[in-house]
């Protein structure tokens, strides 16, 4: 089982929920799975953080899986860090991943935004995937506009020889519009050999457990 990078076509597409669902699915298969988000921005007081969602799915609080960077401004990590007067060293991210692997974990690493977002200056989410030999799972919106975003993301990943484990169209509504109804089929015709799953919009409740049963087919 190769470790995974969960990346998005944009911000707010549901990467954290899908990353947590993947951790849940891996643990259901008997693997010692752990979610890790190296850099987290937009962290407000009193709100549940993405890293906590991943820790809850992992079933343990591992200090090595805590973000190296947590900042309040909802910006790309490199920019948020610069404005806060701090830095994020890519070597520290990669060292964490190496140690977690030595400790026997199957890793689900959540990026920030899309593949070209800078975690630090000169080091993007794409660079992280290359340096740590991660397979990509791309999370995208289910609706209008997602075709172009998904195809461009896939093109970038393929051009850098990043294996693509699959695409998740996230948030399809119970009564889908025309775009939500056709995007799965269109992407299947345009992206040969790439597995695609749809995850519906879940109201408040237990969306991660429900989504885990769907994303399991990407593992």
Protein backbone atom coordinates (compact mmCIF):
# COMPACT_ATOMS: atom_id res chain seq x y z
CA UNK A 1 0.00 0.00 0.00
CA UNK A 2 1.58 3.24 -1.18
CA UNK A 3 1.04 6.37 0.87
CA UNK A 4 -1.46 8.91 -0.40
CA UNK A 5 -1.59 12.63 -1.06
CA UNK A 6 -5.08 14.12 -0.92
CA UNK A 7 -5.06 17.27 -3.02
CA UNK A 8 -7.82 19.46 -4.37
CA UNK A 9 -8.77 21.32 -7.50
CA UNK A 10 -9.47 24.34 -5.30
CA UNK A 11 -9.94 25.33 -1.69
CA UNK A 12 -13.10 24.26 0.10
CA UNK A 13 -13.75 21.14 -1.98
CA UNK A 14 -13.81 18.81 1.03
CA UNK A 15 -10.25 17.46 1.13
CA UNK A 16 -10.27 16.97 4.89
CA UNK A 17 -13.46 14.93 4.91
CA UNK A 18 -12.19 12.73 2.08
CA UNK A 19 -8.75 12.36 3.72
CA UNK A 20 -10.45 11.31 6.96
CA UNK A 21 -12.67 8.89 5.02
CA UNK A 22 -9.57 7.34 3.43
CA UNK A 23 -7.95 6.92 6.85
CA UNK A 24 -11.16 5.30 8.08
CA UNK A 25 -11.28 2.94 5.09
CA UNK A 26 -7.64 1.94 5.52
CA UNK A 27 -8.15 1.22 9.20
CA UNK A 28 -11.18 -0.91 8.33
CA UNK A 29 -8.82 -2.95 6.16
CA UNK A 30 -6.62 -3.56 9.18
CA UNK A 31 -3.89 -1.06 8.36
CA UNK A 32 -2.38 1.29 10.92
CA UNK A 33 -3.43 4.41 9.06
CA UNK A 34 -2.70 7.98 10.04
CA UNK A 35 -3.72 11.34 8.59
CA UNK A 36 -1.13 14.12 8.41
CA UNK A 37 -1.65 17.73 7.31
CA UNK A 38 1.77 19.43 7.40
CA UNK A 39 0.51 23.00 7.11
CA UNK A 40 -2.84 24.35 8.27
CA UNK A 41 -4.08 27.89 7.77
CA UNK A 42 -7.39 29.59 8.45
CA UNK A 43 -7.41 28.24 11.99
CA UNK A 44 -9.90 30.20 14.07
CA UNK A 45 -10.36 30.19 17.84
CA UNK A 46 -12.65 27.51 19.17
CA UNK A 47 -13.23 25.73 15.87
CA UNK A 48 -12.36 22.15 15.09
CA UNK A 49 -9.21 22.03 12.99
CA UNK A 50 -8.59 19.86 9.96
CA UNK A 51 -5.75 18.16 11.80
CA UNK A 52 -8.10 17.22 14.63
CA UNK A 53 -10.56 15.70 12.16
CA UNK A 54 -7.71 13.58 10.79
CA UNK A 55 -6.54 12.61 14.28
CA UNK A 56 -10.07 11.53 15.21
CA UNK A 57 -10.26 9.37 12.09
CA UNK A 58 -6.84 7.93 12.88
CA UNK A 59 -7.95 6.95 16.36
CA UNK A 60 -4.85 8.32 18.04
CA UNK A 61 -3.12 11.57 18.88
CA UNK A 62 0.38 11.23 17.47
CA UNK A 63 2.60 14.27 18.02
CA UNK A 64 4.43 13.61 14.75
CA UNK A 65 1.15 13.94 12.87
CA UNK A 66 0.47 17.42 14.22
CA UNK A 67 0.90 20.25 11.69
CA UNK A 68 4.28 21.91 11.60
CA UNK A 69 2.48 25.17 10.84
CA UNK A 70 -0.88 26.41 12.13
CA UNK A 71 -1.83 30.00 11.34
CA UNK A 72 -5.07 32.00 11.47
CA UNK A 73 -5.03 33.68 8.05
CA UNK A 74 -6.79 31.64 5.36
CA UNK A 75 -3.98 31.94 2.82
CA UNK A 76 -1.53 29.64 1.09
CA UNK A 77 0.91 28.40 3.75
CA UNK A 78 3.94 30.19 2.30
CA UNK A 79 2.12 33.52 2.28
CA UNK A 80 0.49 33.05 5.69
CA UNK A 81 3.86 32.11 7.18
CA UNK A 82 5.61 35.11 5.63
CA UNK A 83 2.96 37.49 6.98
CA UNK A 84 3.27 35.90 10.42
CA UNK A 85 7.06 36.13 10.40
CA UNK A 86 7.63 32.37 10.53
CA UNK A 87 8.94 29.77 8.09
CA UNK A 88 8.12 26.19 7.19
CA UNK A 89 11.12 24.04 6.28
CA UNK A 90 10.33 21.36 3.66
CA UNK A 91 13.04 19.16 5.17
CA UNK A 92 11.04 19.05 8.40
CA UNK A 93 7.92 17.87 6.56
CA UNK A 94 9.84 15.13 4.79
CA UNK A 95 11.57 14.08 8.01
CA UNK A 96 8.19 13.68 9.71
CA UNK A 97 6.93 11.50 6.89
CA UNK A 98 10.06 9.33 6.96
CA UNK A 99 9.73 8.82 10.71
CA UNK A 100 6.02 7.98 10.53
CA UNK A 101 6.81 5.42 7.84
CA UNK A 102 9.53 3.88 10.01
CA UNK A 103 6.96 3.68 12.80
CA UNK A 104 4.80 1.52 10.55
CA UNK A 105 2.01 3.89 9.54
CA UNK A 106 0.11 3.95 6.26
CA UNK A 107 -0.09 7.68 5.58
CA UNK A 108 -2.77 9.91 4.14
CA UNK A 109 -1.14 13.31 3.67
CA UNK A 110 -3.47 16.25 3.10
CA UNK A 111 -2.15 19.13 1.04
CA UNK A 112 -3.27 22.75 1.04
CA UNK A 113 -5.58 23.79 -1.78
CA UNK A 114 -4.32 22.46 -5.11
CA UNK A 115 -1.08 20.92 -6.29
CA UNK A 116 0.60 24.23 -7.16
CA UNK A 117 -0.04 25.90 -3.81
CA UNK A 118 3.27 26.85 -2.12
CA UNK A 119 3.80 25.26 1.27
CA UNK A 120 6.95 27.36 1.48
CA UNK A 121 8.64 29.46 -1.18
CA UNK A 122 10.03 27.14 -3.83
CA UNK A 123 8.19 24.10 -2.47
CA UNK A 124 4.66 23.27 -3.60
CA UNK A 125 2.24 20.47 -2.78
CA UNK A 126 3.42 18.89 -6.05
CA UNK A 127 7.01 19.00 -4.79
CA UNK A 128 5.90 17.26 -1.61
CA UNK A 129 4.27 14.46 -3.62
CA UNK A 130 7.44 13.98 -5.66
CA UNK A 131 9.84 14.13 -2.73
CA UNK A 132 7.86 11.65 -0.63
CA UNK A 133 6.74 9.33 -3.44
CA UNK A 134 3.01 9.77 -2.82
CA UNK A 135 0.08 8.63 -4.96
CA UNK A 136 -2.47 11.39 -5.57
CA UNK A 137 -6.17 11.38 -4.89
CA UNK A 138 -7.78 14.49 -6.38
CA UNK A 139 -10.84 15.93 -4.66
CA UNK A 140 -13.10 18.16 -6.75
CA UNK A 141 -16.52 19.72 -6.60
CA UNK A 142 -19.30 17.68 -8.12
CA UNK A 143 -20.86 20.54 -10.09
CA UNK A 144 -20.34 23.04 -12.84
CA UNK A 145 -16.74 24.11 -13.55
CA UNK A 146 -15.10 20.99 -12.26
CA UNK A 147 -14.19 19.48 -15.64
CA UNK A 148 -11.51 22.02 -16.45
CA UNK A 149 -10.12 22.02 -12.91
CA UNK A 150 -9.89 18.24 -12.74
CA UNK A 151 -8.33 17.82 -16.17
CA UNK A 152 -5.70 20.52 -15.56
CA UNK A 153 -4.80 18.95 -12.20
CA UNK A 154 -4.48 15.52 -13.79
CA UNK A 155 -2.30 16.96 -16.57
CA UNK A 156 0.07 18.54 -14.04
CA UNK A 157 0.31 15.33 -12.00
CA UNK A 158 0.93 13.20 -15.07
CA UNK A 159 3.56 15.58 -16.42
CA UNK A 160 5.50 15.09 -13.18
CA UNK A 161 4.98 11.30 -13.08
CA UNK A 162 2.83 11.39 -9.95
CA UNK A 163 0.62 8.28 -9.89
CA UNK A 164 -3.08 9.14 -9.70
CA UNK A 165 -4.99 6.74 -7.50
CA UNK A 166 -8.32 8.33 -8.30
CA UNK A 167 -10.63 11.33 -8.41
CA UNK A 168 -13.41 12.10 -5.94
CA UNK A 169 -16.32 14.26 -7.09
CA UNK A 170 -17.47 15.51 -3.73
CA UNK A 171 -20.84 16.91 -2.68
CA UNK A 172 -23.29 15.68 -5.32
CA UNK A 173 -26.75 16.80 -4.23
CA UNK A 174 -29.72 14.51 -3.74
CA UNK A 175 -31.36 16.23 -6.70
CA UNK A 176 -28.37 16.90 -8.97
CA UNK A 177 -28.38 19.50 -11.69
CA UNK A 178 -27.28 18.75 -15.26
CA UNK A 179 -23.57 19.28 -14.52
CA UNK A 180 -23.59 17.05 -11.46
CA UNK A 181 -25.48 14.39 -13.41
CA UNK A 182 -23.03 14.32 -16.33
CA UNK A 183 -19.58 15.14 -14.90
CA UNK A 184 -18.78 11.57 -13.88
CA UNK A 185 -19.46 10.23 -17.36
CA UNK A 186 -17.66 13.08 -19.13
CA UNK A 187 -14.52 12.70 -17.01
CA UNK A 188 -14.60 8.96 -17.58
CA UNK A 189 -14.52 9.58 -21.34
CA UNK A 190 -11.75 12.19 -21.13
CA UNK A 191 -9.49 10.60 -18.53
CA UNK A 192 -8.99 7.01 -19.58
CA UNK A 193 -7.76 4.65 -16.90
CA UNK A 194 -8.45 6.96 -13.94
CA UNK A 195 -10.87 5.72 -11.31
CA UNK A 196 -13.56 8.23 -10.34
CA UNK A 197 -16.04 8.03 -7.48
CA UNK A 198 -18.87 10.31 -6.45
CA UNK A 199 -19.49 11.19 -2.83
CA UNK A 200 -22.89 12.77 -2.14
CA UNK A 201 -23.53 15.77 0.02
CA UNK A 202 -24.11 14.56 3.56
CA UNK A 203 -26.12 16.68 5.99
CA UNK A 204 -24.95 16.94 9.59
CA UNK A 205 -24.32 13.49 10.98
CA UNK A 206 -21.58 10.99 10.20
CA UNK A 207 -20.38 11.83 6.68
CA UNK A 208 -16.87 10.43 7.14
CA UNK A 209 -18.04 6.89 7.88
CA UNK A 210 -20.45 7.00 4.95
CA UNK A 211 -17.84 8.44 2.58
CA UNK A 212 -15.31 5.80 3.68
CA UNK A 213 -17.44 3.07 2.13
CA UNK A 214 -17.32 4.89 -1.23
CA UNK A 215 -13.65 5.91 -1.35
CA UNK A 216 -12.59 2.39 -0.33
CA UNK A 217 -12.77 1.42 -4.01
CA UNK A 218 -9.80 3.74 -4.69
CA UNK A 219 -7.52 1.77 -2.35
